[in-house]
């Protein structure tokens, strides 16, 4: 589900915000180069994406430490925080669009809310769901899945760990791809109202995490 959310937000942001990557923030470096030679807009948004992402990860880490000291599990709270940020992304997009430009104040606010939400998701994946595959960047996942698949096809391995790795990775990759398709279609036909879907999914995950029903979560100390 988190893979679907990341793909959805990345595609929706890319379509609606002049090619801004919300989840795959390092992809903005390539687009910055294109913008500098006049081939893409939204240079300020792409420059801001990395520091905003870093601040969101840092804030998530500090929040997790504070929650742990208070005897609370960070996962449901971080999921709820991500849901609120994406609700802000969708709500601000509905209110402020159409934007005057890719680097207008409204577009910057909407884009950075999406980037911050993905920063929180990246952080919670590392902090709270370490046994699951990465949900926001698929390059490493796809590479490992292909290596394992080739080894299996050649009969080079029957390792249980490799099989378990494939069972973790493939759903994340497929979910991200499905989310990207849904996000592109959602923003094309529903504008920023499409953010309702990932917000509802995250709210459901937060509720499940609060009840201790999420898979791959770090158990409470």
C-alpha atoms as a PDB file:
ATOM      1  CA  UNK A   1       0.000   0.000   0.000  1.00  0.00           C
ATOM      2  CA  UNK A   2       2.856   2.389   0.751  1.00  0.00           C
ATOM      3  CA  UNK A   3       4.388   1.581  -2.634  1.00  0.00           C
ATOM      4  CA  UNK A   4       1.080   2.448  -4.282  1.00  0.00           C
ATOM      5  CA  UNK A   5       0.906   5.749  -2.374  1.00  0.00           C
ATOM      6  CA  UNK A   6       4.453   6.706  -3.377  1.00  0.00           C
ATOM      7  CA  UNK A   7       3.867   5.925  -7.035  1.00  0.00           C
ATOM      8  CA  UNK A   8       0.572   7.808  -6.955  1.00  0.00           C
ATOM      9  CA  UNK A   9       2.040  10.958  -5.402  1.00  0.00           C
ATOM     10  CA  UNK A  10       5.158  10.906  -7.588  1.00  0.00           C
ATOM     11  CA  UNK A  11       3.127  10.671 -10.792  1.00  0.00           C
ATOM     12  CA  UNK A  12       0.472  13.150  -9.686  1.00  0.00           C
ATOM     13  CA  UNK A  13       3.106  15.671  -8.668  1.00  0.00           C
ATOM     14  CA  UNK A  14       5.039  15.192 -11.890  1.00  0.00           C
ATOM     15  CA  UNK A  15       1.955  15.780 -14.032  1.00  0.00           C
ATOM     16  CA  UNK A  16       0.492  18.660 -12.021  1.00  0.00           C
ATOM     17  CA  UNK A  17       3.663  20.498 -10.969  1.00  0.00           C
ATOM     18  CA  UNK A  18       5.832  20.842 -14.069  1.00  0.00           C
ATOM     19  CA  UNK A  19       7.757  17.628 -13.627  1.00  0.00           C
ATOM     20  CA  UNK A  20       8.440  17.775  -9.888  1.00  0.00           C
ATOM     21  CA  UNK A  21       9.394  14.415  -8.367  1.00  0.00           C
ATOM     22  CA  UNK A  22       7.988  14.172  -4.843  1.00  0.00           C
ATOM     23  CA  UNK A  23       9.147  10.649  -3.942  1.00  0.00           C
ATOM     24  CA  UNK A  24      12.209  10.227  -6.171  1.00  0.00           C
ATOM     25  CA  UNK A  25      13.755  13.564  -5.200  1.00  0.00           C
ATOM     26  CA  UNK A  26      17.166  12.867  -6.713  1.00  0.00           C
ATOM     27  CA  UNK A  27      15.452  12.740 -10.096  1.00  0.00           C
ATOM     28  CA  UNK A  28      14.966  16.478  -9.699  1.00  0.00           C
ATOM     29  CA  UNK A  29      18.720  16.942 -10.185  1.00  0.00           C
ATOM     30  CA  UNK A  30      18.357  15.849 -13.796  1.00  0.00           C
ATOM     31  CA  UNK A  31      15.409  18.179 -14.275  1.00  0.00           C
ATOM     32  CA  UNK A  32      17.380  21.070 -12.739  1.00  0.00           C
ATOM     33  CA  UNK A  33      19.957  20.607 -15.473  1.00  0.00           C
ATOM     34  CA  UNK A  34      17.197  20.611 -18.095  1.00  0.00           C
ATOM     35  CA  UNK A  35      15.676  23.741 -16.581  1.00  0.00           C
ATOM     36  CA  UNK A  36      19.011  25.548 -16.646  1.00  0.00           C
ATOM     37  CA  UNK A  37      19.231  25.103 -20.410  1.00  0.00           C
ATOM     38  CA  UNK A  38      15.623  26.131 -20.921  1.00  0.00           C
ATOM     39  CA  UNK A  39      14.048  22.713 -21.430  1.00  0.00           C
ATOM     40  CA  UNK A  40      11.927  22.556 -18.284  1.00  0.00           C
ATOM     41  CA  UNK A  41      10.177  24.845 -15.813  1.00  0.00           C
ATOM     42  CA  UNK A  42       9.907  24.848 -12.063  1.00  0.00           C
ATOM     43  CA  UNK A  43      13.589  25.378 -11.267  1.00  0.00           C
ATOM     44  CA  UNK A  44      12.942  26.826  -7.795  1.00  0.00           C
ATOM     45  CA  UNK A  45      10.647  23.955  -6.835  1.00  0.00           C
ATOM     46  CA  UNK A  46      13.248  21.397  -7.889  1.00  0.00           C
ATOM     47  CA  UNK A  47      15.984  23.228  -5.981  1.00  0.00           C
ATOM     48  CA  UNK A  48      13.813  23.315  -2.858  1.00  0.00           C
ATOM     49  CA  UNK A  49      12.816  19.660  -3.053  1.00  0.00           C
ATOM     50  CA  UNK A  50      16.002  18.202  -1.561  1.00  0.00           C
ATOM     51  CA  UNK A  51      16.283  20.488   1.505  1.00  0.00           C
ATOM     52  CA  UNK A  52      12.562  20.100   2.215  1.00  0.00           C
ATOM     53  CA  UNK A  53      12.904  16.327   1.909  1.00  0.00           C
ATOM     54  CA  UNK A  54      15.912  16.325   4.260  1.00  0.00           C
ATOM     55  CA  UNK A  55      14.059  18.458   6.812  1.00  0.00           C
ATOM     56  CA  UNK A  56      11.043  16.138   6.662  1.00  0.00           C
ATOM     57  CA  UNK A  57      13.224  13.074   7.276  1.00  0.00           C
ATOM     58  CA  UNK A  58      14.961  14.838  10.166  1.00  0.00           C
ATOM     59  CA  UNK A  59      11.634  15.900  11.671  1.00  0.00           C
ATOM     60  CA  UNK A  60      10.322  12.333  11.374  1.00  0.00           C
ATOM     61  CA  UNK A  61      13.406  11.008  13.132  1.00  0.00           C
ATOM     62  CA  UNK A  62      13.091  13.510  15.966  1.00  0.00           C
ATOM     63  CA  UNK A  63       9.375  12.762  16.296  1.00  0.00           C
ATOM     64  CA  UNK A  64      10.074   9.016  16.400  1.00  0.00           C
ATOM     65  CA  UNK A  65      12.675   9.476  19.131  1.00  0.00           C
ATOM     66  CA  UNK A  66      10.284  11.612  21.159  1.00  0.00           C
ATOM     67  CA  UNK A  67       7.469   9.108  20.782  1.00  0.00           C
ATOM     68  CA  UNK A  68       9.727   6.224  21.781  1.00  0.00           C
ATOM     69  CA  UNK A  69      10.841   8.106  24.886  1.00  0.00           C
ATOM     70  CA  UNK A  70       7.174   8.620  25.737  1.00  0.00           C
ATOM     71  CA  UNK A  71       6.544   4.889  25.348  1.00  0.00           C
ATOM     72  CA  UNK A  72       4.555   5.219  22.121  1.00  0.00           C
ATOM     73  CA  UNK A  73       5.047   3.394  18.838  1.00  0.00           C
ATOM     74  CA  UNK A  74       6.101   5.885  16.124  1.00  0.00           C
ATOM     75  CA  UNK A  75       4.555   4.074  13.136  1.00  0.00           C
ATOM     76  CA  UNK A  76       0.881   5.082  13.495  1.00  0.00           C
ATOM     77  CA  UNK A  77       1.844   8.678  14.282  1.00  0.00           C
ATOM     78  CA  UNK A  78       4.193   8.970  11.310  1.00  0.00           C
ATOM     79  CA  UNK A  79       1.574   7.466   8.998  1.00  0.00           C
ATOM     80  CA  UNK A  80      -0.949   9.971  10.325  1.00  0.00           C
ATOM     81  CA  UNK A  81       1.536  12.809   9.767  1.00  0.00           C
ATOM     82  CA  UNK A  82       2.061  11.690   6.173  1.00  0.00           C
ATOM     83  CA  UNK A  83      -1.700  11.545   5.649  1.00  0.00           C
ATOM     84  CA  UNK A  84      -2.059  15.102   6.977  1.00  0.00           C
ATOM     85  CA  UNK A  85       0.696  16.376   4.690  1.00  0.00           C
ATOM     86  CA  UNK A  86      -0.959  14.761   1.682  1.00  0.00           C
ATOM     87  CA  UNK A  87      -4.312  16.164   2.753  1.00  0.00           C
ATOM     88  CA  UNK A  88      -2.607  19.563   2.757  1.00  0.00           C
ATOM     89  CA  UNK A  89      -1.159  18.827  -0.689  1.00  0.00           C
ATOM     90  CA  UNK A  90      -4.576  18.009  -2.103  1.00  0.00           C
ATOM     91  CA  UNK A  91      -6.472  20.708  -0.241  1.00  0.00           C
ATOM     92  CA  UNK A  92      -4.019  23.466  -1.093  1.00  0.00           C
ATOM     93  CA  UNK A  93      -3.968  22.277  -4.687  1.00  0.00           C
ATOM     94  CA  UNK A  94      -7.739  22.476  -4.939  1.00  0.00           C
ATOM     95  CA  UNK A  95      -7.835  25.963  -3.398  1.00  0.00           C
ATOM     96  CA  UNK A  96      -4.809  27.525  -5.097  1.00  0.00           C
ATOM     97  CA  UNK A  97      -4.875  26.025  -8.598  1.00  0.00           C
ATOM     98  CA  UNK A  98      -4.601  26.955 -11.379  1.00  0.00           C
ATOM     99  CA  UNK A  99      -1.125  28.252 -10.575  1.00  0.00           C
ATOM    100  CA  UNK A 100       0.417  31.343 -12.091  1.00  0.00           C
ATOM    101  CA  UNK A 101       3.542  29.330 -12.832  1.00  0.00           C
ATOM    102  CA  UNK A 102       5.544  26.300 -11.775  1.00  0.00           C
ATOM    103  CA  UNK A 103       7.471  28.440  -9.268  1.00  0.00           C
ATOM    104  CA  UNK A 104       4.552  30.554  -8.046  1.00  0.00           C
ATOM    105  CA  UNK A 105       3.976  30.600  -4.269  1.00  0.00           C
ATOM    106  CA  UNK A 106       0.937  28.352  -4.555  1.00  0.00           C
ATOM    107  CA  UNK A 107       2.709  25.762  -6.682  1.00  0.00           C
ATOM    108  CA  UNK A 108       5.712  25.793  -4.352  1.00  0.00           C
ATOM    109  CA  UNK A 109       3.534  25.259  -1.292  1.00  0.00           C
ATOM    110  CA  UNK A 110       1.648  22.371  -2.877  1.00  0.00           C
ATOM    111  CA  UNK A 111       4.786  20.737  -4.218  1.00  0.00           C
ATOM    112  CA  UNK A 112       6.713  20.975  -0.965  1.00  0.00           C
ATOM    113  CA  UNK A 113       3.826  19.441   0.981  1.00  0.00           C
ATOM    114  CA  UNK A 114       4.038  16.421  -1.324  1.00  0.00           C
ATOM    115  CA  UNK A 115       7.831  16.261  -0.962  1.00  0.00           C
ATOM    116  CA  UNK A 116       7.561  16.494   2.833  1.00  0.00           C
ATOM    117  CA  UNK A 117       4.996  13.675   2.861  1.00  0.00           C
ATOM    118  CA  UNK A 118       7.348  11.453   0.886  1.00  0.00           C
ATOM    119  CA  UNK A 119      10.206  12.380   3.204  1.00  0.00           C
ATOM    120  CA  UNK A 120       8.145  11.123   6.121  1.00  0.00           C
ATOM    121  CA  UNK A 121       7.325   7.917   4.230  1.00  0.00           C
ATOM    122  CA  UNK A 122      10.993   7.297   3.472  1.00  0.00           C
ATOM    123  CA  UNK A 123      11.855   7.842   7.116  1.00  0.00           C
ATOM    124  CA  UNK A 124       9.145   5.601   8.525  1.00  0.00           C
ATOM    125  CA  UNK A 125      10.160   2.850   6.135  1.00  0.00           C
ATOM    126  CA  UNK A 126      13.691   2.891   7.528  1.00  0.00           C
ATOM    127  CA  UNK A 127      12.703   3.453  11.138  1.00  0.00           C
ATOM    128  CA  UNK A 128       9.568   1.364  11.566  1.00  0.00           C
ATOM    129  CA  UNK A 129       9.359  -1.112   8.660  1.00  0.00           C
ATOM    130  CA  UNK A 130      12.943  -2.300   8.136  1.00  0.00           C
ATOM    131  CA  UNK A 131      11.965  -5.809   7.013  1.00  0.00           C
ATOM    132  CA  UNK A 132       9.970  -4.542   4.026  1.00  0.00           C
ATOM    133  CA  UNK A 133      11.290  -3.496   0.623  1.00  0.00           C
ATOM    134  CA  UNK A 134      11.768   0.203  -0.077  1.00  0.00           C
ATOM    135  CA  UNK A 135       8.447   1.745  -1.090  1.00  0.00           C
ATOM    136  CA  UNK A 136       9.524   5.006  -2.752  1.00  0.00           C
ATOM    137  CA  UNK A 137      12.567   4.288  -4.952  1.00  0.00           C
ATOM    138  CA  UNK A 138      12.250   1.231  -7.165  1.00  0.00           C
ATOM    139  CA  UNK A 139      15.596   1.121  -9.006  1.00  0.00           C
ATOM    140  CA  UNK A 140      17.365  -0.961  -6.354  1.00  0.00           C
ATOM    141  CA  UNK A 141      14.296  -3.171  -5.921  1.00  0.00           C
ATOM    142  CA  UNK A 142      14.045  -3.893  -9.644  1.00  0.00           C
ATOM    143  CA  UNK A 143      17.781  -4.574  -9.919  1.00  0.00           C
ATOM    144  CA  UNK A 144      17.737  -7.084  -7.069  1.00  0.00           C
ATOM    145  CA  UNK A 145      14.588  -8.767  -8.369  1.00  0.00           C
ATOM    146  CA  UNK A 146      16.126  -9.249 -11.831  1.00  0.00           C
ATOM    147  CA  UNK A 147      19.353 -10.643 -10.358  1.00  0.00           C
ATOM    148  CA  UNK A 148      17.426 -13.124  -8.233  1.00  0.00           C
ATOM    149  CA  UNK A 149      15.135 -14.093 -11.131  1.00  0.00           C
ATOM    150  CA  UNK A 150      18.107 -14.752 -13.440  1.00  0.00           C
ATOM    151  CA  UNK A 151      19.822 -16.852 -10.768  1.00  0.00           C
ATOM    152  CA  UNK A 152      16.670 -18.898 -10.277  1.00  0.00           C
ATOM    153  CA  UNK A 153      16.269 -19.388 -14.043  1.00  0.00           C
ATOM    154  CA  UNK A 154      19.854 -20.638 -14.315  1.00  0.00           C
ATOM    155  CA  UNK A 155      19.442 -22.895 -11.323  1.00  0.00           C
ATOM    156  CA  UNK A 156      22.227 -21.075  -9.523  1.00  0.00           C
ATOM    157  CA  UNK A 157      20.373 -20.628  -6.270  1.00  0.00           C
ATOM    158  CA  UNK A 158      17.645 -22.160  -4.201  1.00  0.00           C
ATOM    159  CA  UNK A 159      18.399 -19.899  -1.296  1.00  0.00           C
ATOM    160  CA  UNK A 160      15.404 -19.300   0.966  1.00  0.00           C
ATOM    161  CA  UNK A 161      16.560 -15.747   1.663  1.00  0.00           C
ATOM    162  CA  UNK A 162      16.522 -14.940  -2.067  1.00  0.00           C
ATOM    163  CA  UNK A 163      13.009 -16.332  -2.410  1.00  0.00           C
ATOM    164  CA  UNK A 164      11.866 -14.295   0.582  1.00  0.00           C
ATOM    165  CA  UNK A 165      13.512 -11.219  -0.926  1.00  0.00           C
ATOM    166  CA  UNK A 166      11.606 -11.687  -4.171  1.00  0.00           C
ATOM    167  CA  UNK A 167       8.342 -12.047  -2.252  1.00  0.00           C
ATOM    168  CA  UNK A 168       9.079  -8.703  -0.558  1.00  0.00           C
ATOM    169  CA  UNK A 169      10.288  -6.804  -3.598  1.00  0.00           C
ATOM    170  CA  UNK A 170       7.857  -7.777  -6.361  1.00  0.00           C
ATOM    171  CA  UNK A 171       4.688  -6.537  -4.602  1.00  0.00           C
ATOM    172  CA  UNK A 172       6.365  -3.190  -3.888  1.00  0.00           C
ATOM    173  CA  UNK A 173       7.434  -2.746  -7.516  1.00  0.00           C
ATOM    174  CA  UNK A 174       4.025  -3.708  -8.894  1.00  0.00           C
ATOM    175  CA  UNK A 175       2.223  -1.519  -6.364  1.00  0.00           C
ATOM    176  CA  UNK A 176       4.409   1.480  -7.212  1.00  0.00           C
ATOM    177  CA  UNK A 177       3.730   0.988 -10.933  1.00  0.00           C
ATOM    178  CA  UNK A 178      -0.015   0.717 -10.299  1.00  0.00           C
ATOM    179  CA  UNK A 179       0.109   3.812  -8.101  1.00  0.00           C
ATOM    180  CA  UNK A 180       1.964   5.790 -10.755  1.00  0.00           C
ATOM    181  CA  UNK A 181      -0.677   4.927 -13.343  1.00  0.00           C
ATOM    182  CA  UNK A 182      -3.479   5.763 -10.923  1.00  0.00           C
ATOM    183  CA  UNK A 183      -1.830   9.046  -9.913  1.00  0.00           C
ATOM    184  CA  UNK A 184      -1.371  10.210 -13.492  1.00  0.00           C
ATOM    185  CA  UNK A 185      -4.972   9.350 -14.375  1.00  0.00           C
ATOM    186  CA  UNK A 186      -6.235  10.763 -11.092  1.00  0.00           C
ATOM    187  CA  UNK A 187      -4.678  14.189 -11.535  1.00  0.00           C
ATOM    188  CA  UNK A 188      -5.651  14.263 -15.220  1.00  0.00           C
ATOM    189  CA  UNK A 189      -9.324  13.629 -14.498  1.00  0.00           C
ATOM    190  CA  UNK A 190      -9.766  14.705 -10.885  1.00  0.00           C
ATOM    191  CA  UNK A 191      -7.124  17.411 -10.470  1.00  0.00           C
ATOM    192  CA  UNK A 192      -5.963  17.698  -6.857  1.00  0.00           C
ATOM    193  CA  UNK A 193      -9.089  16.007  -5.540  1.00  0.00           C
ATOM    194  CA  UNK A 194      -7.335  12.757  -6.434  1.00  0.00           C
ATOM    195  CA  UNK A 195      -5.243  13.158  -3.255  1.00  0.00           C
ATOM    196  CA  UNK A 196      -8.245  11.832  -1.334  1.00  0.00           C
ATOM    197  CA  UNK A 197      -7.270   8.276  -2.327  1.00  0.00           C
ATOM    198  CA  UNK A 198      -3.746   8.189  -0.800  1.00  0.00           C
ATOM    199  CA  UNK A 199      -4.995  10.073   2.262  1.00  0.00           C
ATOM    200  CA  UNK A 200      -7.691   7.444   2.867  1.00  0.00           C
ATOM    201  CA  UNK A 201      -5.194   4.618   2.345  1.00  0.00           C
ATOM    202  CA  UNK A 202      -2.735   6.157   4.800  1.00  0.00           C
ATOM    203  CA  UNK A 203      -5.465   6.779   7.344  1.00  0.00           C
ATOM    204  CA  UNK A 204      -6.384   3.106   7.118  1.00  0.00           C
ATOM    205  CA  UNK A 205      -2.745   2.097   7.541  1.00  0.00           C
ATOM    206  CA  UNK A 206      -2.380   4.406  10.547  1.00  0.00           C
ATOM    207  CA  UNK A 207      -5.450   2.830  12.148  1.00  0.00           C
ATOM    208  CA  UNK A 208      -4.095  -0.669  11.450  1.00  0.00           C
ATOM    209  CA  UNK A 209      -0.704   0.294  12.874  1.00  0.00           C
ATOM    210  CA  UNK A 210      -2.346   1.649  16.008  1.00  0.00           C
ATOM    211  CA  UNK A 211      -3.975  -1.766  16.471  1.00  0.00           C
ATOM    212  CA  UNK A 212      -0.681  -3.547  15.778  1.00  0.00           C
ATOM    213  CA  UNK A 213      -1.889  -5.129  12.534  1.00  0.00           C
ATOM    214  CA  UNK A 214       0.839  -3.904  10.149  1.00  0.00           C
ATOM    215  CA  UNK A 215       3.356  -6.363   8.724  1.00  0.00           C
ATOM    216  CA  UNK A 216       7.070  -5.652   8.941  1.00  0.00           C
ATOM    217  CA  UNK A 217       6.732  -3.180  11.782  1.00  0.00           C
ATOM    218  CA  UNK A 218       9.299  -2.979  14.526  1.00  0.00           C
ATOM    219  CA  UNK A 219       7.654  -4.374  17.681  1.00  0.00           C
ATOM    220  CA  UNK A 220       7.396  -2.061  20.674  1.00  0.00           C
ATOM    221  CA  UNK A 221      10.344  -2.214  23.054  1.00  0.00           C
END
